[in-house]
Amino acid sequence: MEMLVLGAGATGGYFGGRLAEATLQGKSTLEVSFLVRPARAATLAENGLRVDSRYGDIAIPVRTVVQAALRPDYDLVLLTCKAYDLDSAIESIAPALRPDTLILPVLNGLEHFDRLDRAFGAARVLGGCCHIASALTPDGVVRQLTDLHRITYGLRPTNGAAAKHALDALDAAFRQTPVDARHVDDIDQEIWEKFVFLATLAGMTTLMRGAIGDIVAALGGVGLTERMLAECESAAAAAGKPSRPTAVDSALKTLTQPGSVMTASMLRDLESGARIESAHIVGDMLRRARAAGHDATLLEAAWVHLQVRDFRRARETKG
């Protein structure tokens, strides 16, 4: 099976790199290529793909392709871009697709599924999400920041037999890597549970401009966190995907852990002046909670806060 990974950055570089490593070692027959910009292609040609990870470092040659040379040669495309880059990602991968090519997105949230379904047809868009904290260093190394390196995938109701075959092949390839890969029966449940957790984490840490432990230490911090989680849960329940008790317990434990230095990557991006996925995560969760008729006061406060930041950033950048 031929697989194209869009980009070789913090997320695509890690998961795609693990798959490419297994193929290079003769453990898998999955052929992995990375769609990258010319500068990144030159770096990879000179230095190979390098990953710094507690599960074993990678330094291997990889196959790359640039936009101008892209051909419809792929069975599966892995999308790992930020939500605000989705439109350009759709345009970028289009020349790589045959009528039967499948797309596996592991973006945050849910909104991207509607856009991908419209662009390529729901039968071709698989379900997936990932949990990883990683970064691309200035010298082009993918650095894993924590123990977490999970990717979860499964069939959506709109997928057919060809999609099942592709996911089975992908799962077999991941089994030859150290990645925590999970092929699940109800991928929508997994995506919703991540969405609920992430919207709460991003909403609280950006609104309060602090880590989990800082919020917990403040009088009323735990109560506000629990309220925002409940607002997000109301949207999930209205969609028919209430979080399972184990997921709720895990989220509460993580989100109210005293002394925790955990923040959402959205807060780190916000504080560094970078673009953020606010509309795709906090804004979309607010929209869904409101549509269900539920109170979402804290989500609204977080969303307004993030919009103000973006308006100010745009004004100051223009000035």
Protein backbone atom coordinates (compact mmCIF):
# COMPACT_ATOMS: atom_id res chain seq x y z
CA MET A 1 0.00 0.00 0.00
CA GLU A 2 1.26 3.47 -0.91
CA MET A 3 0.71 6.13 1.76
CA LEU A 4 1.27 9.88 1.51
CA VAL A 5 1.82 11.94 4.66
CA LEU A 6 1.08 15.64 4.32
CA GLY A 7 4.13 17.29 5.86
CA ALA A 8 7.01 15.95 7.92
CA GLY A 9 6.55 18.13 10.97
CA ALA A 10 5.83 17.45 14.61
CA THR A 11 2.90 15.08 14.07
CA GLY A 12 3.21 13.75 10.53
CA GLY A 13 6.96 13.40 10.91
CA TYR A 14 6.53 11.30 14.04
CA PHE A 15 3.80 8.89 12.96
CA GLY A 16 4.96 8.74 9.34
CA GLY A 17 8.53 8.33 10.50
CA ARG A 18 7.67 5.36 12.67
CA LEU A 19 5.92 3.68 9.73
CA ALA A 20 8.82 4.44 7.38
CA GLU A 21 11.27 3.06 9.94
CA ALA A 22 9.36 -0.23 10.12
CA THR A 23 9.41 -0.53 6.33
CA LEU A 24 13.13 0.22 6.20
CA GLN A 25 13.71 -2.52 8.78
CA GLY A 26 11.80 -5.02 6.65
CA LYS A 27 8.97 -5.35 9.17
CA SER A 28 6.30 -3.78 6.95
CA THR A 29 5.47 -3.44 3.26
CA LEU A 30 3.74 -0.06 3.63
CA GLU A 31 5.50 2.51 1.43
CA VAL A 32 5.50 5.99 2.99
CA SER A 33 6.13 9.28 1.18
CA PHE A 34 6.07 12.78 2.65
CA LEU A 35 4.57 15.74 0.77
CA VAL A 36 6.80 18.64 1.79
CA ARG A 37 7.94 22.07 0.64
CA PRO A 38 11.19 22.26 -1.36
CA ALA A 39 13.22 23.56 1.60
CA ARG A 40 12.08 20.73 3.86
CA ALA A 41 12.71 18.24 1.05
CA ALA A 42 16.29 19.51 0.78
CA THR A 43 16.81 19.16 4.54
CA LEU A 44 15.43 15.63 4.52
CA ALA A 45 17.57 14.69 1.53
CA GLU A 46 20.69 15.94 3.30
CA ASN A 47 20.05 14.77 6.86
CA GLY A 48 17.26 12.22 6.63
CA LEU A 49 14.23 12.27 8.90
CA ARG A 50 15.36 12.64 12.49
CA VAL A 51 13.15 11.95 15.48
CA ASP A 52 14.22 12.40 19.09
CA SER A 53 12.03 10.07 21.18
CA ARG A 54 12.11 8.15 24.43
CA TYR A 55 10.86 5.17 22.41
CA GLY A 56 13.98 5.19 20.27
CA ASP A 57 15.50 7.86 18.06
CA ILE A 58 15.10 7.78 14.29
CA ALA A 59 17.60 8.90 11.67
CA ILE A 60 16.58 7.42 8.34
CA PRO A 61 16.35 8.32 4.66
CA VAL A 62 12.75 8.91 3.57
CA ARG A 63 10.88 9.36 0.33
CA THR A 64 9.67 12.90 -0.30
CA VAL A 65 7.65 14.58 -3.00
CA VAL A 66 7.02 18.27 -3.66
CA GLN A 67 3.79 19.75 -4.93
CA ALA A 68 4.95 20.19 -8.53
CA ALA A 69 5.87 16.51 -8.83
CA LEU A 70 2.75 15.08 -7.19
CA ARG A 71 0.92 12.32 -9.07
CA PRO A 72 -2.18 10.20 -8.24
CA ASP A 73 -0.11 7.29 -6.96
CA TYR A 74 -1.45 6.82 -3.43
CA ASP A 75 -3.90 4.52 -1.71
CA LEU A 76 -4.07 6.48 1.55
CA VAL A 77 -3.30 10.05 2.63
CA LEU A 78 -2.60 10.93 6.27
CA LEU A 79 -3.63 14.49 7.16
CA THR A 80 -1.98 15.98 10.25
CA CYS A 81 -2.23 19.72 9.53
CA LYS A 82 -3.61 22.43 11.78
CA ALA A 83 -7.30 23.19 11.26
CA TYR A 84 -6.59 26.69 9.93
CA ASP A 85 -4.49 25.11 7.14
CA LEU A 86 -7.19 22.65 6.07
CA ASP A 87 -8.26 24.51 2.93
CA SER A 88 -4.70 24.68 1.62
CA ALA A 89 -4.19 21.03 2.64
CA ILE A 90 -7.22 19.97 0.59
CA GLU A 91 -5.82 21.83 -2.40
CA SER A 92 -2.34 20.38 -1.86
CA ILE A 93 -3.35 16.71 -1.74
CA ALA A 94 -5.89 16.82 -4.58
CA PRO A 95 -3.35 15.89 -7.31
CA ALA A 96 -2.31 12.82 -5.28
CA LEU A 97 -5.78 11.30 -5.23
CA ARG A 98 -7.24 8.63 -7.44
CA PRO A 99 -11.01 8.08 -7.34
CA ASP A 100 -10.45 5.34 -4.73
CA THR A 101 -7.77 7.05 -2.60
CA LEU A 102 -8.74 7.28 1.07
CA ILE A 103 -8.01 10.14 3.49
CA LEU A 104 -7.27 9.66 7.19
CA PRO A 105 -7.45 12.98 9.07
CA VAL A 106 -6.16 13.19 12.64
CA LEU A 107 -6.93 16.87 13.20
CA ASN A 108 -8.40 18.21 16.42
CA GLY A 109 -12.16 18.61 16.73
CA LEU A 110 -14.93 17.62 14.33
CA GLU A 111 -15.56 20.44 11.90
CA HIS A 112 -12.99 19.24 9.38
CA PHE A 113 -15.00 16.11 8.61
CA ASP A 114 -17.78 18.15 6.99
CA ARG A 115 -15.29 19.99 4.81
CA LEU A 116 -13.42 16.85 3.79
CA ASP A 117 -16.68 15.02 3.06
CA ARG A 118 -17.76 17.86 0.77
CA ALA A 119 -14.40 17.93 -0.99
CA PHE A 120 -13.83 14.21 -1.51
CA GLY A 121 -17.01 12.34 -0.56
CA ALA A 122 -17.81 10.83 2.83
CA ALA A 123 -17.06 7.28 1.66
CA ARG A 124 -13.39 8.20 1.23
CA VAL A 125 -12.83 9.99 4.55
CA LEU A 126 -11.86 7.70 7.43
CA GLY A 127 -12.13 8.47 11.13
CA GLY A 128 -9.10 9.25 13.24
CA CYS A 129 -7.53 11.27 16.01
CA CYS A 130 -4.18 11.37 17.77
CA HIS A 131 -2.70 12.26 21.14
CA ILE A 132 0.90 13.43 21.02
CA ALA A 133 3.01 16.28 22.34
CA SER A 134 5.84 16.92 19.90
CA ALA A 135 7.64 19.79 18.24
CA LEU A 136 9.81 20.48 15.22
CA THR A 137 13.10 22.04 16.31
CA PRO A 138 14.76 24.85 14.31
CA ASP A 139 17.25 22.34 12.87
CA GLY A 140 14.47 20.08 11.60
CA VAL A 141 14.34 17.37 14.26
CA VAL A 142 10.97 16.01 15.40
CA ARG A 143 11.14 15.98 19.19
CA GLN A 144 8.67 13.97 21.26
CA LEU A 145 7.94 15.90 24.47
CA THR A 146 6.02 13.36 26.59
CA ASP A 147 5.33 9.62 26.76
CA LEU A 148 2.06 10.02 24.85
CA HIS A 149 2.16 8.90 21.20
CA ARG A 150 -1.28 7.48 20.45
CA ILE A 151 -3.07 7.35 17.12
CA THR A 152 -6.63 6.01 16.91
CA TYR A 153 -8.52 5.16 13.74
CA GLY A 154 -11.67 3.40 12.65
CA LEU A 155 -14.42 3.18 10.08
CA ARG A 156 -17.11 5.82 9.86
CA PRO A 157 -20.67 4.75 8.95
CA THR A 158 -20.10 6.12 5.43
CA ASN A 159 -17.05 3.90 4.75
CA GLY A 160 -17.15 0.65 2.81
CA ALA A 161 -15.16 -2.54 2.33
CA ALA A 162 -12.19 -0.82 0.66
CA ALA A 163 -11.80 1.44 3.68
CA LYS A 164 -11.78 -1.57 6.00
CA HIS A 165 -9.05 -3.21 3.95
CA ALA A 166 -6.92 -0.06 4.04
CA LEU A 167 -7.30 0.38 7.79
CA ASP A 168 -6.44 -3.27 8.38
CA ALA A 169 -3.25 -2.80 6.35
CA LEU A 170 -2.38 0.40 8.21
CA ASP A 171 -3.02 -1.28 11.54
CA ALA A 172 -0.74 -4.17 10.59
CA ALA A 173 2.01 -1.67 9.76
CA PHE A 174 1.60 0.23 13.03
CA ARG A 175 1.86 -3.07 14.93
CA GLN A 176 5.50 -3.15 13.83
CA THR A 177 6.22 0.19 15.52
CA PRO A 178 6.34 1.34 19.16
CA VAL A 179 3.38 3.68 18.52
CA ASP A 180 0.29 3.22 20.69
CA ALA A 181 -1.97 2.53 17.71
CA ARG A 182 -5.62 1.65 18.25
CA HIS A 183 -8.05 0.32 15.65
CA VAL A 184 -11.48 0.86 17.23
CA ASP A 185 -15.06 -0.02 16.36
CA ASP A 186 -16.58 3.35 17.35
CA ILE A 187 -14.19 6.04 16.19
CA ASP A 188 -16.81 8.77 16.60
CA GLN A 189 -16.87 8.08 20.34
CA GLU A 190 -13.09 8.42 20.56
CA ILE A 191 -13.09 11.66 18.57
CA TRP A 192 -15.85 13.18 20.70
CA GLU A 193 -14.11 12.27 23.96
CA LYS A 194 -10.90 13.89 22.78
CA PHE A 195 -12.86 16.93 21.58
CA VAL A 196 -14.54 17.36 24.98
CA PHE A 197 -11.23 17.08 26.84
CA LEU A 198 -9.32 19.35 24.47
CA ALA A 199 -11.99 22.06 24.33
CA THR A 200 -12.03 22.16 28.13
CA LEU A 201 -8.23 22.19 28.40
CA ALA A 202 -7.82 24.84 25.71
CA GLY A 203 -10.74 26.91 26.94
CA MET A 204 -9.56 26.99 30.55
CA THR A 205 -5.82 27.41 30.05
CA THR A 206 -6.23 30.19 27.46
CA LEU A 207 -8.96 31.99 29.40
CA MET A 208 -6.95 31.85 32.62
CA ARG A 209 -3.54 32.17 30.93
CA GLY A 210 -2.04 29.48 33.13
CA ALA A 211 -1.29 25.80 33.54
CA ILE A 212 -3.68 23.30 35.10
CA GLY A 213 -1.87 23.49 38.43
CA ASP A 214 -2.14 27.28 38.48
CA ILE A 215 -5.88 27.13 37.87
CA VAL A 216 -6.37 24.44 40.51
CA ALA A 217 -4.45 26.53 43.06
CA ALA A 218 -6.78 29.49 42.56
CA LEU A 219 -9.92 29.72 44.71
CA GLY A 220 -12.80 28.61 42.49
CA GLY A 221 -10.49 27.23 39.80
CA VAL A 222 -11.58 23.61 40.13
CA GLY A 223 -15.25 24.57 40.11
CA LEU A 224 -14.89 26.60 36.91
CA THR A 225 -13.00 23.76 35.26
CA GLU A 226 -15.75 21.31 36.19
CA ARG A 227 -18.38 23.72 34.81
CA MET A 228 -16.60 24.11 31.48
CA LEU A 229 -16.20 20.34 31.20
CA ALA A 230 -19.93 19.96 31.85
CA GLU A 231 -20.70 22.50 29.10
CA CYS A 232 -18.62 20.48 26.63
CA GLU A 233 -20.18 17.23 27.82
CA SER A 234 -23.63 18.65 27.14
CA ALA A 235 -22.72 19.10 23.47
CA ALA A 236 -21.42 15.53 23.26
CA ALA A 237 -24.55 14.13 24.89
CA ALA A 238 -26.75 16.10 22.50
CA ALA A 239 -24.84 14.54 19.60
CA GLY A 240 -25.52 11.08 21.00
CA LYS A 241 -21.91 10.58 22.10
CA PRO A 242 -21.76 11.24 25.85
CA SER A 243 -18.34 10.47 27.26
CA ARG A 244 -17.97 7.09 28.90
CA PRO A 245 -17.55 7.18 32.70
CA THR A 246 -13.90 6.17 32.42
CA ALA A 247 -13.26 9.06 30.02
CA VAL A 248 -14.99 11.55 32.33
CA ASP A 249 -12.99 10.33 35.32
CA SER A 250 -9.74 10.51 33.37
CA ALA A 251 -10.50 14.02 32.10
CA LEU A 252 -11.39 15.30 35.57
CA LYS A 253 -8.27 13.77 37.08
CA THR A 254 -6.04 15.39 34.47
CA LEU A 255 -7.81 18.75 34.43
CA THR A 256 -7.80 19.16 38.22
CA GLN A 257 -4.36 17.73 39.04
CA PRO A 258 -2.65 19.91 41.69
CA GLY A 259 0.75 21.14 40.59
CA SER A 260 0.28 20.07 36.97
CA VAL A 261 2.24 22.15 34.45
CA MET A 262 0.04 20.93 31.59
CA THR A 263 -1.34 23.51 29.19
CA ALA A 264 -3.03 23.28 25.83
CA SER A 265 -0.75 23.80 22.84
CA MET A 266 -3.21 26.57 21.98
CA LEU A 267 -1.98 28.55 24.97
CA ARG A 268 1.64 28.06 23.93
CA ASP A 269 0.80 29.20 20.39
CA LEU A 270 -1.17 32.16 21.73
CA GLU A 271 1.67 33.32 23.96
CA SER A 272 4.22 32.98 21.17
CA GLY A 273 2.10 35.08 18.81
CA ALA A 274 1.31 32.20 16.46
CA ARG A 275 -2.00 31.31 14.81
CA ILE A 276 -4.38 29.23 16.89
CA GLU A 277 -7.17 26.70 16.25
CA SER A 278 -9.65 28.62 18.38
CA ALA A 279 -12.59 28.54 15.97
CA HIS A 280 -12.19 24.83 15.23
CA ILE A 281 -12.03 23.81 18.89
CA VAL A 282 -13.55 26.32 21.33
CA GLY A 283 -15.77 28.16 18.85
CA ASP A 284 -17.19 24.98 17.34
CA MET A 285 -17.83 23.41 20.75
CA LEU A 286 -19.71 26.56 21.80
CA ARG A 287 -21.80 26.43 18.62
CA ARG A 288 -22.75 22.81 19.26
CA ALA A 289 -23.63 23.42 22.93
CA ARG A 290 -25.80 26.40 21.99
CA ALA A 291 -27.53 24.45 19.21
CA ALA A 292 -28.49 21.86 21.81
CA GLY A 293 -29.99 24.59 24.00
CA HIS A 294 -27.48 24.21 26.83
CA ASP A 295 -25.81 26.88 28.94
CA ALA A 296 -22.29 27.57 27.69
CA THR A 297 -21.32 30.72 29.55
CA LEU A 298 -17.70 29.73 30.16
CA LEU A 299 -17.19 28.50 26.61
CA GLU A 300 -18.57 31.82 25.40
CA ALA A 301 -16.17 33.75 27.62
CA ALA A 302 -13.23 31.71 26.33
CA TRP A 303 -14.35 32.14 22.72
CA VAL A 304 -14.75 35.91 23.05
CA HIS A 305 -11.34 36.10 24.74
CA LEU A 306 -9.70 34.21 21.87
CA GLN A 307 -11.45 36.31 19.22
CA VAL A 308 -10.27 39.51 20.89
CA ARG A 309 -6.72 38.17 20.87
CA ASP A 310 -6.95 37.41 17.14
CA PHE A 311 -8.44 40.81 16.31
CA ARG A 312 -5.69 42.52 18.28
CA ARG A 313 -3.02 40.37 16.63
CA ALA A 314 -4.35 41.24 13.17
CA ARG A 315 -4.50 44.96 13.98
CA GLU A 316 -0.99 45.09 15.41
CA THR A 317 0.44 43.01 12.58
CA LYS A 318 -1.17 45.27 10.00
CA GLY A 319 0.03 48.38 11.82
